[in-house]
Protein backbone atom coordinates (compact mmCIF):
# COMPACT_ATOMS: atom_id res chain seq x y z
CA UNK A 1 -18.26 24.47 -51.12
CA UNK A 2 -17.74 22.30 -54.03
CA UNK A 3 -19.07 18.52 -54.25
CA UNK A 4 -17.46 15.96 -56.38
CA UNK A 5 -20.50 16.36 -58.76
CA UNK A 6 -19.53 19.82 -59.31
CA UNK A 7 -15.84 19.23 -60.28
CA UNK A 8 -16.28 16.01 -62.00
CA UNK A 9 -17.30 17.51 -65.35
CA UNK A 10 -13.93 19.65 -65.33
CA UNK A 11 -11.63 16.78 -64.66
CA UNK A 12 -13.41 14.59 -66.91
CA UNK A 13 -13.09 17.16 -69.68
CA UNK A 14 -9.63 17.61 -68.86
CA UNK A 15 -8.84 13.56 -69.04
CA UNK A 16 -10.69 13.19 -72.02
CA UNK A 17 -8.84 16.08 -73.88
CA UNK A 18 -5.57 14.64 -72.49
CA UNK A 19 -6.15 11.11 -74.07
CA UNK A 20 -7.44 12.55 -77.18
CA UNK A 21 -4.22 14.36 -77.73
CA UNK A 22 -2.17 11.11 -77.18
CA UNK A 23 -4.45 9.11 -79.76
CA UNK A 24 -4.17 12.22 -82.24
CA UNK A 25 -0.39 11.66 -82.16
CA UNK A 26 -0.55 8.33 -83.50
CA UNK A 27 -3.32 8.92 -85.97
CA UNK A 28 -6.42 7.03 -84.32
CA UNK A 29 -9.65 8.32 -84.79
CA UNK A 30 -10.52 7.86 -80.98
CA UNK A 31 -8.98 11.27 -80.34
CA UNK A 32 -11.77 13.17 -82.54
CA UNK A 33 -14.35 11.24 -80.74
CA UNK A 34 -13.10 12.19 -77.16
CA UNK A 35 -12.77 15.47 -78.26
CA UNK A 36 -16.26 15.65 -79.47
CA UNK A 37 -17.36 14.03 -75.97
CA UNK A 38 -15.52 16.70 -74.09
CA UNK A 39 -17.08 19.51 -76.00
CA UNK A 40 -20.65 17.94 -75.64
CA UNK A 41 -19.65 17.73 -72.01
CA UNK A 42 -19.01 21.56 -71.92
CA UNK A 43 -22.15 22.29 -73.61
CA UNK A 44 -24.38 20.38 -71.21
CA UNK A 45 -22.57 22.06 -68.28
CA UNK A 46 -23.90 25.55 -69.72
CA UNK A 47 -27.44 24.38 -69.92
CA UNK A 48 -26.95 22.73 -66.29
CA UNK A 49 -25.63 25.89 -64.89
CA UNK A 50 -28.45 27.82 -66.76
CA UNK A 51 -31.15 25.47 -65.17
CA UNK A 52 -29.58 26.01 -61.61
CA UNK A 53 -30.15 29.68 -61.97
CA UNK A 54 -33.79 29.36 -63.35
CA UNK A 55 -34.86 26.95 -60.75
CA UNK A 56 -33.81 29.44 -57.90
CA UNK A 57 -35.57 32.20 -59.48
CA UNK A 58 -38.88 33.54 -57.98
CA UNK A 59 -41.96 33.89 -60.09
CA UNK A 60 -41.70 37.61 -59.92
CA UNK A 61 -37.95 37.22 -61.06
CA UNK A 62 -38.83 35.14 -64.00
CA UNK A 63 -41.69 37.33 -65.02
CA UNK A 64 -39.01 40.38 -65.02
CA UNK A 65 -36.57 38.40 -67.10
CA UNK A 66 -39.05 37.47 -69.51
CA UNK A 67 -40.23 41.01 -69.98
CA UNK A 68 -36.77 42.04 -70.29
CA UNK A 69 -36.63 39.35 -72.98
CA UNK A 70 -39.73 40.49 -74.68
CA UNK A 71 -39.08 44.22 -74.57
CA UNK A 72 -35.45 44.19 -75.77
CA UNK A 73 -35.14 41.21 -77.81
CA UNK A 74 -32.01 40.14 -75.69
CA UNK A 75 -31.69 36.47 -75.62
CA UNK A 76 -33.06 34.65 -72.54
CA UNK A 77 -30.12 32.75 -72.04
CA UNK A 78 -28.04 35.93 -71.85
CA UNK A 79 -30.19 37.17 -69.22
CA UNK A 80 -29.89 34.23 -67.15
CA UNK A 81 -26.25 34.02 -67.59
CA UNK A 82 -25.91 37.45 -66.14
CA UNK A 83 -28.09 36.39 -63.23
CA UNK A 84 -26.02 33.49 -62.34
CA UNK A 85 -23.43 35.33 -59.95
CA UNK A 86 -26.37 36.71 -57.74
CA UNK A 87 -28.39 33.62 -57.67
CA UNK A 88 -25.64 30.97 -57.15
CA UNK A 89 -22.97 31.44 -54.24
CA UNK A 90 -19.43 31.90 -56.09
CA UNK A 91 -18.12 28.47 -54.40
CA UNK A 92 -20.80 26.35 -56.11
CA UNK A 93 -20.24 27.25 -59.57
CA UNK A 94 -17.43 27.49 -62.35
CA UNK A 95 -17.54 30.94 -64.06
């Protein structure tokens, strides 16, 4: 079940982008700042989602992911992202 905290970044990003579009039409620099803020929120959300996966991992899962990173050179973030559907129930994250 989603909580308001799970959906807040989505509606906030949408609201900031809609306001940015209005400001951009009249040529005000506020639109650019709002777009940058929305982009930063999206970037932070990706990091938060990775953190949620990592904190649910057992020590053995962490070691396995680390070994995969070391042995293949696959970026650790990609490994965490691929584990996400298995670590967090679908109704609690946004794919």
